[in-house]
Protein backbone atom coordinates (compact mmCIF):
# COMPACT_ATOMS: atom_id res chain seq x y z
CA MET A 1 0.00 0.00 0.00
CA PHE A 2 2.61 2.49 1.09
CA ASP A 3 6.31 1.98 0.36
CA ALA A 4 7.21 3.88 3.53
CA VAL A 5 5.39 1.33 5.69
CA SER A 6 6.95 -2.10 5.52
CA THR A 7 5.38 -3.75 8.56
CA ILE A 8 3.23 -3.34 11.58
CA ILE A 9 3.37 -5.76 14.47
CA PRO A 10 0.38 -5.27 16.74
CA ARG A 11 0.71 -6.73 20.22
CA ALA A 12 4.22 -8.12 19.74
CA SER A 13 4.92 -8.05 23.44
CA LYS A 14 6.58 -11.43 23.97
CA PRO A 15 9.73 -12.86 22.39
CA HIS A 16 7.86 -15.68 20.65
CA HIS A 17 5.53 -13.12 19.04
CA ILE A 18 8.49 -11.29 17.58
CA GLU A 19 10.18 -14.51 16.44
CA SER A 20 6.99 -15.69 14.75
CA ASN A 21 6.48 -12.34 13.04
CA ALA A 22 10.12 -12.19 11.92
CA LYS A 23 9.72 -15.53 10.12
CA THR A 24 7.26 -13.88 7.77
CA SER A 25 10.14 -11.93 6.20
CA SER A 26 10.99 -15.06 4.21
CA LEU A 27 7.52 -15.20 2.65
CA PRO A 28 6.93 -13.81 -0.84
CA PRO A 29 5.31 -10.37 -1.16
CA LEU A 30 1.54 -10.20 -1.37
CA THR A 31 0.14 -10.41 -4.88
CA LYS A 32 -1.69 -7.49 -6.46
CA HIS A 33 -4.97 -9.33 -5.86
CA GLU A 34 -4.15 -9.81 -2.17
CA MET A 35 -3.18 -6.15 -1.80
CA ASP A 36 -6.39 -5.12 -3.54
CA GLN A 37 -8.32 -7.18 -0.99
CA VAL A 38 -6.41 -5.54 1.88
CA GLN A 39 -7.24 -2.13 0.41
CA LYS A 40 -10.90 -3.10 0.10
CA ILE A 41 -11.06 -4.18 3.75
CA TYR A 42 -9.34 -0.95 4.82
CA ASP A 43 -11.67 1.20 2.72
CA GLU A 44 -14.84 -0.57 3.86
CA MET A 45 -14.11 -1.26 7.52
CA ILE A 46 -11.29 0.93 8.82
CA LYS A 47 -10.75 4.10 6.80
CA ASN A 48 -13.68 6.12 8.13
CA GLN A 49 -12.59 5.51 11.71
CA VAL A 50 -8.90 6.34 11.39
CA HIS A 51 -7.95 7.98 8.10
CA HIS A 52 -8.69 11.50 9.33
CA LEU A 53 -6.00 10.99 12.01
CA TRP A 54 -3.17 10.84 9.47
């Protein structure tokens, strides 16, 4: 979505959370279709509540 934002790790408060999240760095990038779905979810369910805060 935004090149400046590479990751967010909500609630990574324990070492095993961080280790598990770090393993995702070896996964392939999301496809265009997957990113479009993420954008759709953001637009429909999140944007109105938070976007004005940016």
